[in-house]
N, C-alpha and C. Protein backbone atom coordinates (compact mmCIF):
# COMPACT_ATOMS: atom_id res chain seq x y z
N MET A 1 6.31 -43.34 57.06
CA MET A 1 6.63 -44.57 57.76
C MET A 1 6.17 -45.76 56.93
N SER A 2 6.93 -46.82 56.92
CA SER A 2 6.57 -48.01 56.16
C SER A 2 5.40 -48.72 56.82
N ILE A 3 4.73 -49.60 56.02
CA ILE A 3 3.63 -50.38 56.58
C ILE A 3 4.13 -51.23 57.74
N GLU A 4 5.33 -51.79 57.54
CA GLU A 4 5.92 -52.62 58.59
C GLU A 4 6.14 -51.82 59.86
N GLY A 5 6.65 -50.58 59.68
CA GLY A 5 6.90 -49.73 60.83
C GLY A 5 5.61 -49.35 61.54
N THR A 6 4.56 -49.05 60.75
CA THR A 6 3.27 -48.71 61.32
C THR A 6 2.71 -49.86 62.13
N GLU A 7 2.82 -51.06 61.57
CA GLU A 7 2.30 -52.23 62.27
C GLU A 7 3.08 -52.48 63.56
N ARG A 8 4.37 -52.22 63.51
CA ARG A 8 5.18 -52.43 64.71
C ARG A 8 4.77 -51.46 65.81
N GLU A 9 4.53 -50.20 65.42
CA GLU A 9 4.10 -49.21 66.41
C GLU A 9 2.75 -49.58 67.01
N ARG A 10 1.82 -50.04 66.15
CA ARG A 10 0.51 -50.42 66.64
C ARG A 10 0.60 -51.60 67.58
N ALA A 11 1.49 -52.54 67.24
CA ALA A 11 1.62 -53.75 68.04
C ALA A 11 2.18 -53.44 69.42
N THR A 12 2.96 -52.36 69.52
CA THR A 12 3.59 -52.03 70.79
C THR A 12 2.99 -50.76 71.41
N ARG A 13 1.82 -50.39 70.96
CA ARG A 13 1.20 -49.17 71.46
C ARG A 13 0.92 -49.28 72.95
N ILE A 14 1.30 -48.25 73.68
CA ILE A 14 1.09 -48.21 75.12
C ILE A 14 0.49 -46.86 75.48
N PRO A 15 -0.01 -46.71 76.70
CA PRO A 15 -0.62 -45.43 77.10
C PRO A 15 0.33 -44.26 76.88
N ALA A 16 -0.23 -43.14 76.50
CA ALA A 16 0.57 -41.97 76.15
C ALA A 16 1.48 -41.52 77.30
N ALA A 17 0.96 -41.52 78.51
CA ALA A 17 1.77 -41.07 79.65
C ALA A 17 2.99 -41.97 79.86
N LEU A 18 2.79 -43.27 79.70
CA LEU A 18 3.90 -44.20 79.87
C LEU A 18 4.91 -44.06 78.75
N ARG A 19 4.42 -43.85 77.54
CA ARG A 19 5.32 -43.66 76.40
C ARG A 19 6.16 -42.40 76.60
N ALA A 20 5.53 -41.33 77.03
CA ALA A 20 6.27 -40.09 77.27
C ALA A 20 7.33 -40.30 78.35
N GLU A 21 6.97 -41.03 79.40
CA GLU A 21 7.93 -41.31 80.47
C GLU A 21 9.12 -42.10 79.93
N GLN A 22 8.85 -43.08 79.08
CA GLN A 22 9.92 -43.88 78.49
C GLN A 22 10.87 -43.02 77.66
N ILE A 23 10.30 -42.10 76.92
CA ILE A 23 11.12 -41.23 76.06
C ILE A 23 11.99 -40.31 76.92
N TYR A 24 11.42 -39.74 77.97
CA TYR A 24 12.21 -38.85 78.83
C TYR A 24 13.26 -39.62 79.62
N GLU A 25 12.95 -40.84 80.01
CA GLU A 25 13.96 -41.66 80.69
C GLU A 25 15.07 -42.06 79.72
N ALA A 26 14.71 -42.32 78.47
CA ALA A 26 15.71 -42.64 77.46
C ALA A 26 16.64 -41.45 77.25
N ALA A 27 16.08 -40.25 77.24
CA ALA A 27 16.90 -39.05 77.08
C ALA A 27 17.90 -38.91 78.23
N GLN A 28 17.48 -39.27 79.43
CA GLN A 28 18.39 -39.20 80.58
C GLN A 28 19.52 -40.22 80.45
N ARG A 29 19.19 -41.41 79.98
CA ARG A 29 20.23 -42.43 79.79
C ARG A 29 21.24 -41.98 78.74
N VAL A 30 20.75 -41.38 77.68
CA VAL A 30 21.64 -40.87 76.64
C VAL A 30 22.56 -39.80 77.22
N ALA A 31 22.00 -38.91 78.01
CA ALA A 31 22.80 -37.82 78.60
C ALA A 31 23.90 -38.37 79.50
N LEU A 32 23.58 -39.37 80.30
CA LEU A 32 24.57 -39.95 81.20
C LEU A 32 25.62 -40.74 80.45
N ASP A 33 25.26 -41.27 79.30
CA ASP A 33 26.20 -42.08 78.52
C ASP A 33 27.06 -41.23 77.59
N ARG A 34 26.47 -40.19 77.00
CA ARG A 34 27.15 -39.42 75.96
C ARG A 34 27.30 -37.94 76.29
N GLY A 35 26.78 -37.52 77.42
CA GLY A 35 26.78 -36.10 77.72
C GLY A 35 25.52 -35.45 77.20
N LEU A 36 25.26 -34.25 77.64
CA LEU A 36 24.03 -33.56 77.24
C LEU A 36 24.02 -33.25 75.75
N ALA A 37 25.20 -33.04 75.17
CA ALA A 37 25.27 -32.77 73.73
C ALA A 37 24.82 -33.96 72.90
N GLY A 38 24.82 -35.14 73.52
CA GLY A 38 24.41 -36.34 72.79
C GLY A 38 22.91 -36.54 72.75
N VAL A 39 22.16 -35.68 73.44
CA VAL A 39 20.70 -35.82 73.47
C VAL A 39 20.12 -35.22 72.19
N THR A 40 20.03 -36.06 71.17
CA THR A 40 19.42 -35.67 69.90
C THR A 40 18.16 -36.49 69.70
N GLN A 41 17.34 -36.05 68.77
CA GLN A 41 16.10 -36.77 68.50
C GLN A 41 16.38 -38.22 68.10
N ARG A 42 17.36 -38.41 67.22
CA ARG A 42 17.70 -39.75 66.76
C ARG A 42 18.26 -40.61 67.88
N ALA A 43 19.14 -40.04 68.70
CA ALA A 43 19.74 -40.81 69.79
C ALA A 43 18.69 -41.25 70.80
N VAL A 44 17.78 -40.36 71.12
CA VAL A 44 16.72 -40.70 72.08
C VAL A 44 15.80 -41.76 71.49
N ALA A 45 15.49 -41.62 70.22
CA ALA A 45 14.63 -42.61 69.56
C ALA A 45 15.27 -43.99 69.58
N ASP A 46 16.54 -44.05 69.26
CA ASP A 46 17.25 -45.33 69.26
C ASP A 46 17.29 -45.93 70.66
N GLU A 47 17.53 -45.11 71.65
CA GLU A 47 17.60 -45.59 73.03
C GLU A 47 16.25 -46.09 73.52
N ALA A 48 15.18 -45.40 73.12
CA ALA A 48 13.83 -45.77 73.55
C ALA A 48 13.23 -46.87 72.70
N GLY A 49 13.84 -47.15 71.55
CA GLY A 49 13.31 -48.18 70.66
C GLY A 49 12.06 -47.74 69.92
N VAL A 50 12.00 -46.45 69.60
CA VAL A 50 10.85 -45.91 68.87
C VAL A 50 11.37 -45.10 67.69
N THR A 51 10.46 -44.57 66.90
CA THR A 51 10.86 -43.76 65.76
C THR A 51 11.15 -42.33 66.21
N ALA A 52 11.94 -41.63 65.40
CA ALA A 52 12.23 -40.23 65.68
C ALA A 52 10.94 -39.40 65.65
N ALA A 53 10.01 -39.80 64.79
CA ALA A 53 8.74 -39.09 64.70
C ALA A 53 7.96 -39.18 66.00
N LEU A 54 8.05 -40.33 66.66
CA LEU A 54 7.34 -40.48 67.93
C LEU A 54 7.98 -39.62 69.02
N VAL A 55 9.30 -39.53 69.00
CA VAL A 55 9.98 -38.63 69.94
C VAL A 55 9.53 -37.20 69.70
N ALA A 56 9.45 -36.80 68.44
CA ALA A 56 9.02 -35.45 68.10
C ALA A 56 7.59 -35.19 68.55
N HIS A 57 6.77 -36.24 68.53
CA HIS A 57 5.38 -36.10 68.95
C HIS A 57 5.29 -35.81 70.45
N TYR A 58 6.05 -36.54 71.23
CA TYR A 58 6.00 -36.38 72.69
C TYR A 58 6.91 -35.27 73.20
N ALA A 59 7.93 -34.93 72.44
CA ALA A 59 8.85 -33.86 72.82
C ALA A 59 9.09 -32.97 71.61
N PRO A 60 8.09 -32.16 71.25
CA PRO A 60 8.20 -31.35 70.03
C PRO A 60 9.31 -30.31 70.06
N SER A 61 9.74 -29.93 71.24
CA SER A 61 10.83 -28.95 71.37
C SER A 61 12.06 -29.65 71.93
N MET A 62 13.10 -29.79 71.12
CA MET A 62 14.32 -30.44 71.59
C MET A 62 15.01 -29.59 72.66
N SER A 63 14.91 -28.27 72.56
CA SER A 63 15.53 -27.42 73.57
C SER A 63 14.90 -27.67 74.94
N GLU A 64 13.58 -27.87 74.96
CA GLU A 64 12.90 -28.17 76.21
C GLU A 64 13.24 -29.57 76.70
N LEU A 65 13.36 -30.51 75.78
CA LEU A 65 13.71 -31.88 76.17
C LEU A 65 15.11 -31.90 76.80
N VAL A 66 16.04 -31.19 76.19
CA VAL A 66 17.40 -31.12 76.74
C VAL A 66 17.37 -30.49 78.13
N ALA A 67 16.61 -29.42 78.28
CA ALA A 67 16.52 -28.74 79.58
C ALA A 67 15.88 -29.65 80.63
N ASP A 68 14.81 -30.33 80.25
CA ASP A 68 14.14 -31.24 81.19
C ASP A 68 15.04 -32.41 81.55
N THR A 69 15.81 -32.88 80.59
CA THR A 69 16.74 -33.97 80.85
C THR A 69 17.80 -33.53 81.84
N PHE A 70 18.34 -32.35 81.64
CA PHE A 70 19.33 -31.80 82.56
C PHE A 70 18.75 -31.70 83.97
N ARG A 71 17.55 -31.14 84.07
CA ARG A 71 16.91 -30.99 85.38
C ARG A 71 16.78 -32.34 86.09
N ALA A 72 16.31 -33.33 85.36
CA ALA A 72 16.06 -34.64 85.97
C ALA A 72 17.36 -35.27 86.47
N VAL A 73 18.39 -35.23 85.64
CA VAL A 73 19.67 -35.85 86.01
C VAL A 73 20.29 -35.14 87.20
N VAL A 74 20.32 -33.83 87.16
CA VAL A 74 20.99 -33.05 88.21
C VAL A 74 20.20 -33.06 89.51
N ALA A 75 18.89 -32.96 89.41
CA ALA A 75 18.06 -32.98 90.62
C ALA A 75 18.17 -34.33 91.33
N ARG A 76 18.22 -35.40 90.55
CA ARG A 76 18.37 -36.73 91.15
C ARG A 76 19.71 -36.84 91.87
N GLU A 77 20.75 -36.29 91.25
CA GLU A 77 22.07 -36.32 91.88
C GLU A 77 22.04 -35.58 93.22
N LEU A 78 21.45 -34.40 93.23
CA LEU A 78 21.41 -33.61 94.46
C LEU A 78 20.61 -34.33 95.55
N THR A 79 19.52 -34.96 95.18
CA THR A 79 18.72 -35.71 96.15
C THR A 79 19.55 -36.82 96.79
N GLU A 80 20.31 -37.52 95.97
CA GLU A 80 21.16 -38.60 96.47
C GLU A 80 22.26 -38.06 97.38
N VAL A 81 22.86 -36.96 96.98
CA VAL A 81 23.93 -36.36 97.78
C VAL A 81 23.39 -35.86 99.12
N ARG A 82 22.24 -35.20 99.09
CA ARG A 82 21.63 -34.71 100.32
C ARG A 82 21.37 -35.85 101.31
N ALA A 83 20.84 -36.95 100.80
CA ALA A 83 20.54 -38.10 101.67
C ALA A 83 21.82 -38.64 102.30
N HIS A 84 22.86 -38.71 101.51
CA HIS A 84 24.15 -39.21 101.98
C HIS A 84 24.73 -38.29 103.05
N VAL A 85 24.66 -37.00 102.79
CA VAL A 85 25.24 -36.01 103.71
C VAL A 85 24.42 -35.90 104.99
N ASN A 86 23.11 -35.93 104.88
CA ASN A 86 22.26 -35.77 106.06
C ASN A 86 22.35 -36.94 107.03
N ALA A 87 22.89 -38.04 106.56
CA ALA A 87 23.06 -39.21 107.44
C ALA A 87 24.24 -39.02 108.40
N VAL A 88 25.05 -37.99 108.15
CA VAL A 88 26.23 -37.71 108.98
C VAL A 88 25.87 -36.63 110.00
N ARG A 89 26.12 -36.89 111.27
CA ARG A 89 25.70 -35.96 112.32
C ARG A 89 26.75 -34.89 112.64
N ASP A 90 28.00 -35.26 112.70
CA ASP A 90 29.05 -34.29 113.03
C ASP A 90 29.15 -33.23 111.93
N PRO A 91 29.10 -31.94 112.27
CA PRO A 91 29.07 -30.89 111.25
C PRO A 91 30.31 -30.83 110.35
N ILE A 92 31.48 -31.06 110.91
CA ILE A 92 32.69 -31.04 110.08
C ILE A 92 32.73 -32.27 109.18
N ALA A 93 32.37 -33.41 109.75
CA ALA A 93 32.32 -34.63 108.94
C ALA A 93 31.27 -34.51 107.85
N ARG A 94 30.18 -33.80 108.14
CA ARG A 94 29.12 -33.61 107.14
C ARG A 94 29.64 -32.79 105.97
N LEU A 95 30.38 -31.72 106.25
CA LEU A 95 30.95 -30.90 105.18
C LEU A 95 31.98 -31.70 104.39
N ARG A 96 32.79 -32.46 105.10
CA ARG A 96 33.79 -33.29 104.42
C ARG A 96 33.11 -34.33 103.53
N THR A 97 32.03 -34.90 104.02
CA THR A 97 31.28 -35.89 103.23
C THR A 97 30.68 -35.25 101.99
N LEU A 98 30.14 -34.05 102.14
CA LEU A 98 29.57 -33.35 100.99
C LEU A 98 30.63 -33.12 99.92
N LEU A 99 31.78 -32.62 100.32
CA LEU A 99 32.85 -32.34 99.36
C LEU A 99 33.36 -33.61 98.70
N SER A 100 33.61 -34.63 99.52
CA SER A 100 34.16 -35.87 98.96
C SER A 100 33.16 -36.55 98.04
N THR A 101 31.88 -36.48 98.38
CA THR A 101 30.86 -37.09 97.53
C THR A 101 30.80 -36.40 96.17
N MET A 102 31.02 -35.10 96.16
CA MET A 102 30.98 -34.35 94.91
C MET A 102 32.24 -34.53 94.08
N LEU A 103 33.33 -34.98 94.72
CA LEU A 103 34.62 -34.98 94.03
C LEU A 103 35.29 -36.35 93.96
N ASP A 104 34.66 -37.39 94.49
CA ASP A 104 35.36 -38.67 94.59
C ASP A 104 35.31 -39.52 93.32
N GLY A 105 34.67 -39.02 92.27
CA GLY A 105 34.65 -39.74 91.01
C GLY A 105 33.52 -40.72 90.85
N THR A 106 32.71 -40.91 91.90
CA THR A 106 31.61 -41.87 91.80
C THR A 106 30.45 -41.33 90.98
N ARG A 107 30.47 -40.06 90.65
CA ARG A 107 29.40 -39.45 89.86
C ARG A 107 29.94 -38.86 88.56
N ASN A 108 30.96 -39.52 88.04
CA ASN A 108 31.61 -39.01 86.83
C ASN A 108 30.68 -38.95 85.63
N GLU A 109 29.63 -39.79 85.63
CA GLU A 109 28.73 -39.76 84.48
C GLU A 109 27.91 -38.48 84.45
N VAL A 110 27.79 -37.80 85.58
CA VAL A 110 27.02 -36.55 85.62
C VAL A 110 27.88 -35.36 85.21
N THR A 111 29.19 -35.47 85.39
CA THR A 111 30.08 -34.35 85.08
C THR A 111 29.95 -33.87 83.64
N PRO A 112 29.96 -34.76 82.63
CA PRO A 112 29.80 -34.28 81.25
C PRO A 112 28.46 -33.58 81.02
N VAL A 113 27.44 -33.98 81.77
CA VAL A 113 26.14 -33.33 81.64
C VAL A 113 26.25 -31.87 82.07
N TRP A 114 26.93 -31.64 83.18
CA TRP A 114 27.13 -30.27 83.65
C TRP A 114 28.01 -29.47 82.68
N VAL A 115 29.12 -30.06 82.29
CA VAL A 115 30.06 -29.34 81.42
C VAL A 115 29.40 -28.99 80.09
N ASP A 116 28.68 -29.93 79.51
CA ASP A 116 27.96 -29.65 78.26
C ASP A 116 26.92 -28.55 78.46
N ALA A 117 26.26 -28.60 79.61
CA ALA A 117 25.17 -27.64 79.86
C ALA A 117 25.66 -26.20 79.82
N TRP A 118 26.84 -25.94 80.36
CA TRP A 118 27.34 -24.57 80.37
C TRP A 118 27.51 -24.03 78.95
N GLY A 119 28.01 -24.87 78.06
CA GLY A 119 28.19 -24.42 76.68
C GLY A 119 26.88 -24.33 75.92
N LEU A 120 26.05 -25.37 76.05
CA LEU A 120 24.79 -25.40 75.32
C LEU A 120 23.82 -24.34 75.81
N GLY A 121 23.91 -24.00 77.08
CA GLY A 121 22.99 -23.03 77.65
C GLY A 121 23.10 -21.64 77.05
N ARG A 122 24.22 -21.35 76.40
CA ARG A 122 24.39 -20.04 75.76
C ARG A 122 23.36 -19.83 74.65
N ARG A 123 22.97 -20.91 74.00
CA ARG A 123 22.04 -20.80 72.87
C ARG A 123 20.70 -21.49 73.13
N ASN A 124 20.52 -21.95 74.33
CA ASN A 124 19.28 -22.63 74.69
C ASN A 124 18.71 -21.98 75.95
N PRO A 125 17.79 -21.03 75.80
CA PRO A 125 17.25 -20.32 76.96
C PRO A 125 16.58 -21.24 77.97
N ASP A 126 15.92 -22.30 77.48
CA ASP A 126 15.28 -23.24 78.39
C ASP A 126 16.33 -23.91 79.28
N LEU A 127 17.42 -24.31 78.67
CA LEU A 127 18.50 -24.94 79.43
C LEU A 127 19.16 -23.95 80.37
N ALA A 128 19.37 -22.73 79.92
CA ALA A 128 19.98 -21.71 80.77
C ALA A 128 19.16 -21.50 82.04
N GLN A 129 17.85 -21.46 81.90
CA GLN A 129 16.98 -21.30 83.07
C GLN A 129 17.07 -22.51 83.99
N ALA A 130 17.15 -23.69 83.39
CA ALA A 130 17.27 -24.91 84.20
C ALA A 130 18.58 -24.91 84.98
N ILE A 131 19.65 -24.45 84.35
CA ILE A 131 20.95 -24.38 85.03
C ILE A 131 20.87 -23.45 86.24
N ILE A 132 20.26 -22.29 86.04
CA ILE A 132 20.12 -21.32 87.14
C ILE A 132 19.36 -21.94 88.31
N GLU A 133 18.28 -22.63 87.99
CA GLU A 133 17.46 -23.24 89.04
C GLU A 133 18.22 -24.32 89.79
N GLU A 134 18.91 -25.18 89.05
CA GLU A 134 19.63 -26.28 89.69
C GLU A 134 20.85 -25.78 90.46
N MET A 135 21.53 -24.77 89.92
CA MET A 135 22.66 -24.19 90.64
C MET A 135 22.19 -23.55 91.95
N THR A 136 21.03 -22.93 91.92
CA THR A 136 20.47 -22.34 93.13
C THR A 136 20.20 -23.40 94.18
N ASP A 137 19.68 -24.55 93.75
CA ASP A 137 19.42 -25.64 94.69
C ASP A 137 20.72 -26.17 95.29
N TRP A 138 21.76 -26.31 94.46
CA TRP A 138 23.06 -26.76 94.97
C TRP A 138 23.64 -25.72 95.94
N HIS A 139 23.50 -24.47 95.59
CA HIS A 139 23.98 -23.38 96.45
C HIS A 139 23.29 -23.45 97.81
N ASP A 140 21.98 -23.64 97.79
CA ASP A 140 21.22 -23.72 99.04
C ASP A 140 21.66 -24.91 99.88
N ALA A 141 21.96 -26.02 99.22
CA ALA A 141 22.40 -27.21 99.95
C ALA A 141 23.73 -26.96 100.65
N LEU A 142 24.63 -26.28 99.96
CA LEU A 142 25.93 -25.95 100.56
C LEU A 142 25.77 -24.97 101.72
N VAL A 143 24.95 -23.96 101.52
CA VAL A 143 24.71 -22.98 102.58
C VAL A 143 24.15 -23.67 103.83
N GLU A 144 23.25 -24.59 103.61
CA GLU A 144 22.63 -25.32 104.73
C GLU A 144 23.69 -26.05 105.57
N VAL A 145 24.60 -26.73 104.90
CA VAL A 145 25.65 -27.47 105.61
C VAL A 145 26.61 -26.51 106.32
N LEU A 146 26.97 -25.43 105.64
CA LEU A 146 27.89 -24.45 106.23
C LEU A 146 27.27 -23.77 107.45
N GLU A 147 26.02 -23.37 107.34
CA GLU A 147 25.37 -22.67 108.45
C GLU A 147 25.18 -23.59 109.66
N ALA A 148 24.90 -24.86 109.39
CA ALA A 148 24.76 -25.82 110.49
C ALA A 148 26.08 -25.95 111.24
N GLY A 149 27.17 -25.96 110.48
CA GLY A 149 28.48 -26.06 111.11
C GLY A 149 28.83 -24.83 111.93
N ILE A 150 28.49 -23.66 111.40
CA ILE A 150 28.77 -22.40 112.11
C ILE A 150 27.92 -22.30 113.37
N HIS A 151 26.64 -22.62 113.25
CA HIS A 151 25.74 -22.53 114.40
C HIS A 151 26.12 -23.52 115.50
N SER A 152 26.74 -24.62 115.12
CA SER A 152 27.16 -25.61 116.12
C SER A 152 28.39 -25.16 116.89
N GLY A 153 29.08 -24.15 116.37
CA GLY A 153 30.31 -23.68 116.99
C GLY A 153 31.55 -24.38 116.49
N ALA A 154 31.37 -25.33 115.57
CA ALA A 154 32.51 -26.09 115.06
C ALA A 154 33.28 -25.32 114.00
N MET A 155 32.65 -24.28 113.45
CA MET A 155 33.28 -23.50 112.39
C MET A 155 33.17 -22.01 112.70
N ARG A 156 34.13 -21.26 112.22
CA ARG A 156 34.13 -19.81 112.40
C ARG A 156 33.05 -19.16 111.54
N ASP A 157 32.50 -18.06 112.03
CA ASP A 157 31.46 -17.36 111.28
C ASP A 157 32.00 -16.89 109.93
N ALA A 158 31.16 -16.98 108.90
CA ALA A 158 31.58 -16.59 107.55
C ALA A 158 30.35 -16.25 106.74
N ASP A 159 30.56 -15.61 105.60
CA ASP A 159 29.48 -15.32 104.66
C ASP A 159 29.19 -16.60 103.91
N THR A 160 28.19 -17.35 104.36
CA THR A 160 27.94 -18.68 103.80
C THR A 160 27.48 -18.64 102.35
N SER A 161 26.74 -17.61 101.98
CA SER A 161 26.28 -17.51 100.60
C SER A 161 27.46 -17.30 99.66
N LEU A 162 28.36 -16.40 100.04
CA LEU A 162 29.55 -16.14 99.24
C LEU A 162 30.45 -17.37 99.19
N LEU A 163 30.63 -18.02 100.33
CA LEU A 163 31.49 -19.20 100.40
C LEU A 163 30.93 -20.34 99.55
N ALA A 164 29.62 -20.53 99.59
CA ALA A 164 29.00 -21.57 98.78
C ALA A 164 29.19 -21.30 97.29
N ALA A 165 29.06 -20.03 96.90
CA ALA A 165 29.27 -19.66 95.49
C ALA A 165 30.70 -19.94 95.07
N GLN A 166 31.65 -19.66 95.95
CA GLN A 166 33.06 -19.92 95.64
C GLN A 166 33.32 -21.41 95.47
N VAL A 167 32.75 -22.21 96.36
CA VAL A 167 32.93 -23.66 96.29
C VAL A 167 32.36 -24.22 94.99
N LEU A 168 31.17 -23.79 94.63
CA LEU A 168 30.55 -24.27 93.39
C LEU A 168 31.39 -23.90 92.18
N ALA A 169 31.91 -22.68 92.18
CA ALA A 169 32.75 -22.24 91.05
C ALA A 169 34.01 -23.10 90.96
N MET A 170 34.60 -23.41 92.10
CA MET A 170 35.80 -24.24 92.11
C MET A 170 35.49 -25.65 91.64
N ILE A 171 34.39 -26.21 92.11
CA ILE A 171 34.03 -27.57 91.71
C ILE A 171 33.76 -27.65 90.22
N ASP A 172 33.02 -26.69 89.68
CA ASP A 172 32.74 -26.69 88.24
C ASP A 172 34.03 -26.59 87.44
N GLY A 173 34.92 -25.72 87.87
CA GLY A 173 36.18 -25.56 87.16
C GLY A 173 37.04 -26.81 87.23
N LEU A 174 37.16 -27.39 88.41
CA LEU A 174 37.98 -28.59 88.58
C LEU A 174 37.41 -29.77 87.82
N ASN A 175 36.09 -29.90 87.81
CA ASN A 175 35.47 -30.99 87.05
C ASN A 175 35.73 -30.84 85.56
N ALA A 176 35.67 -29.61 85.06
CA ALA A 176 35.97 -29.37 83.64
C ALA A 176 37.43 -29.71 83.35
N HIS A 177 38.33 -29.35 84.25
CA HIS A 177 39.75 -29.66 84.07
C HIS A 177 39.98 -31.16 83.99
N GLU A 178 39.31 -31.90 84.86
CA GLU A 178 39.52 -33.34 84.92
C GLU A 178 39.03 -34.05 83.66
N MET A 179 38.08 -33.45 82.97
CA MET A 179 37.58 -34.08 81.74
C MET A 179 38.64 -34.14 80.65
N VAL A 180 39.63 -33.25 80.73
CA VAL A 180 40.73 -33.29 79.75
C VAL A 180 42.04 -33.66 80.45
N ASP A 181 41.90 -34.25 81.65
CA ASP A 181 43.05 -34.78 82.38
C ASP A 181 44.06 -33.69 82.73
N TYR A 182 43.55 -32.52 83.09
CA TYR A 182 44.44 -31.42 83.49
C TYR A 182 44.47 -31.29 85.01
N GLY A 183 45.65 -31.08 85.55
CA GLY A 183 45.79 -30.78 86.97
C GLY A 183 45.64 -31.95 87.91
N ARG A 184 45.83 -33.16 87.41
CA ARG A 184 45.66 -34.33 88.27
C ARG A 184 46.75 -34.45 89.34
N GLN A 185 47.79 -33.65 89.22
CA GLN A 185 48.83 -33.71 90.25
C GLN A 185 48.36 -33.11 91.57
N HIS A 186 47.22 -32.40 91.52
CA HIS A 186 46.67 -31.81 92.73
C HIS A 186 45.33 -32.47 93.05
N SER A 187 45.11 -32.78 94.30
CA SER A 187 43.83 -33.35 94.73
C SER A 187 42.76 -32.27 94.72
N SER A 188 41.67 -32.52 94.00
CA SER A 188 40.57 -31.55 93.96
C SER A 188 40.01 -31.32 95.35
N LEU A 189 39.88 -32.40 96.11
CA LEU A 189 39.36 -32.27 97.47
C LEU A 189 40.28 -31.41 98.32
N ARG A 190 41.58 -31.57 98.14
CA ARG A 190 42.54 -30.77 98.91
C ARG A 190 42.48 -29.30 98.52
N LEU A 191 42.35 -29.02 97.24
CA LEU A 191 42.29 -27.63 96.78
C LEU A 191 41.09 -26.90 97.38
N ILE A 192 39.94 -27.54 97.35
CA ILE A 192 38.74 -26.90 97.88
C ILE A 192 38.74 -26.94 99.41
N GLY A 193 39.16 -28.07 99.95
CA GLY A 193 39.19 -28.20 101.40
C GLY A 193 40.09 -27.17 102.05
N ARG A 194 41.23 -26.92 101.44
CA ARG A 194 42.18 -25.93 101.98
C ARG A 194 41.55 -24.54 102.03
N ALA A 195 40.85 -24.17 100.98
CA ALA A 195 40.21 -22.85 100.95
C ALA A 195 39.15 -22.73 102.04
N LEU A 196 38.36 -23.78 102.22
CA LEU A 196 37.31 -23.76 103.23
C LEU A 196 37.89 -23.77 104.65
N GLU A 197 38.95 -24.53 104.83
CA GLU A 197 39.58 -24.59 106.15
C GLU A 197 40.05 -23.20 106.59
N LEU A 198 40.64 -22.46 105.67
CA LEU A 198 41.12 -21.12 105.98
C LEU A 198 39.96 -20.19 106.32
N GLU A 199 38.88 -20.28 105.56
CA GLU A 199 37.73 -19.40 105.77
C GLU A 199 36.99 -19.72 107.06
N LEU A 200 36.94 -21.01 107.40
CA LEU A 200 36.11 -21.45 108.52
C LEU A 200 36.91 -21.69 109.80
N GLY A 201 38.21 -21.40 109.76
CA GLY A 201 39.03 -21.59 110.95
C GLY A 201 39.20 -23.03 111.36
N LEU A 202 39.29 -23.92 110.39
CA LEU A 202 39.42 -25.35 110.67
C LEU A 202 40.88 -25.79 110.57
N PRO A 203 41.24 -26.86 111.27
CA PRO A 203 42.62 -27.37 111.19
C PRO A 203 42.99 -27.78 109.77
N ASP A 204 44.23 -27.57 109.43
CA ASP A 204 44.73 -27.90 108.10
C ASP A 204 44.56 -29.39 107.82
N GLY A 205 43.90 -29.70 106.71
CA GLY A 205 43.73 -31.08 106.28
C GLY A 205 42.51 -31.79 106.80
N ILE A 206 41.73 -31.15 107.66
CA ILE A 206 40.60 -31.84 108.28
C ILE A 206 39.48 -32.15 107.28
N LEU A 207 39.42 -31.39 106.19
CA LEU A 207 38.38 -31.63 105.19
C LEU A 207 38.84 -32.57 104.08
N GLY A 208 40.06 -33.05 104.18
CA GLY A 208 40.52 -34.02 103.19
C GLY A 208 41.86 -33.66 102.62
N GLN A 209 42.56 -34.69 102.15
CA GLN A 209 43.89 -34.50 101.58
C GLN A 209 43.86 -34.72 100.06
């Protein structure tokens, strides 16, 4: 590092915990802007306004940094979605809200993070484990909404675990399709809603068009 660079770092030295937080937050911003594949040491350093060496100091394992970044972005999304869905009392409206919130395009910046994660996770065990954990949380959230609807009598009894897995698979596939502008002639909400309506004995179109 140059003398000038050293002096700059000293002049802006802050507590280690805060610096680490800034670096991890910078990694999340990079992921939302460029996708998870864009989370490189240099990109994070540029976003945080520090040197690559400092990023390496606080995040010596890039595979772990990528995994932690994925966890933070996805967990925050689920927290926001849960809050939005839980504010709805009617069980059918709650399921419709969950689906529309996941598919209405307002969270498009998170979609590339998910799509990148599936590919990168093949060679990044830390990321693969993070994906499993976050997918499990999403699965549980879906099961919770489905079971509430069934217990209320508004929906027909069904295997909620299997149904939640099917919905997640459809959402992941449709989101990947939309990234390359495939299949836009069909409403994603309608495709998934139709499948759920048939399984749960709901009127055609009640979950969205």
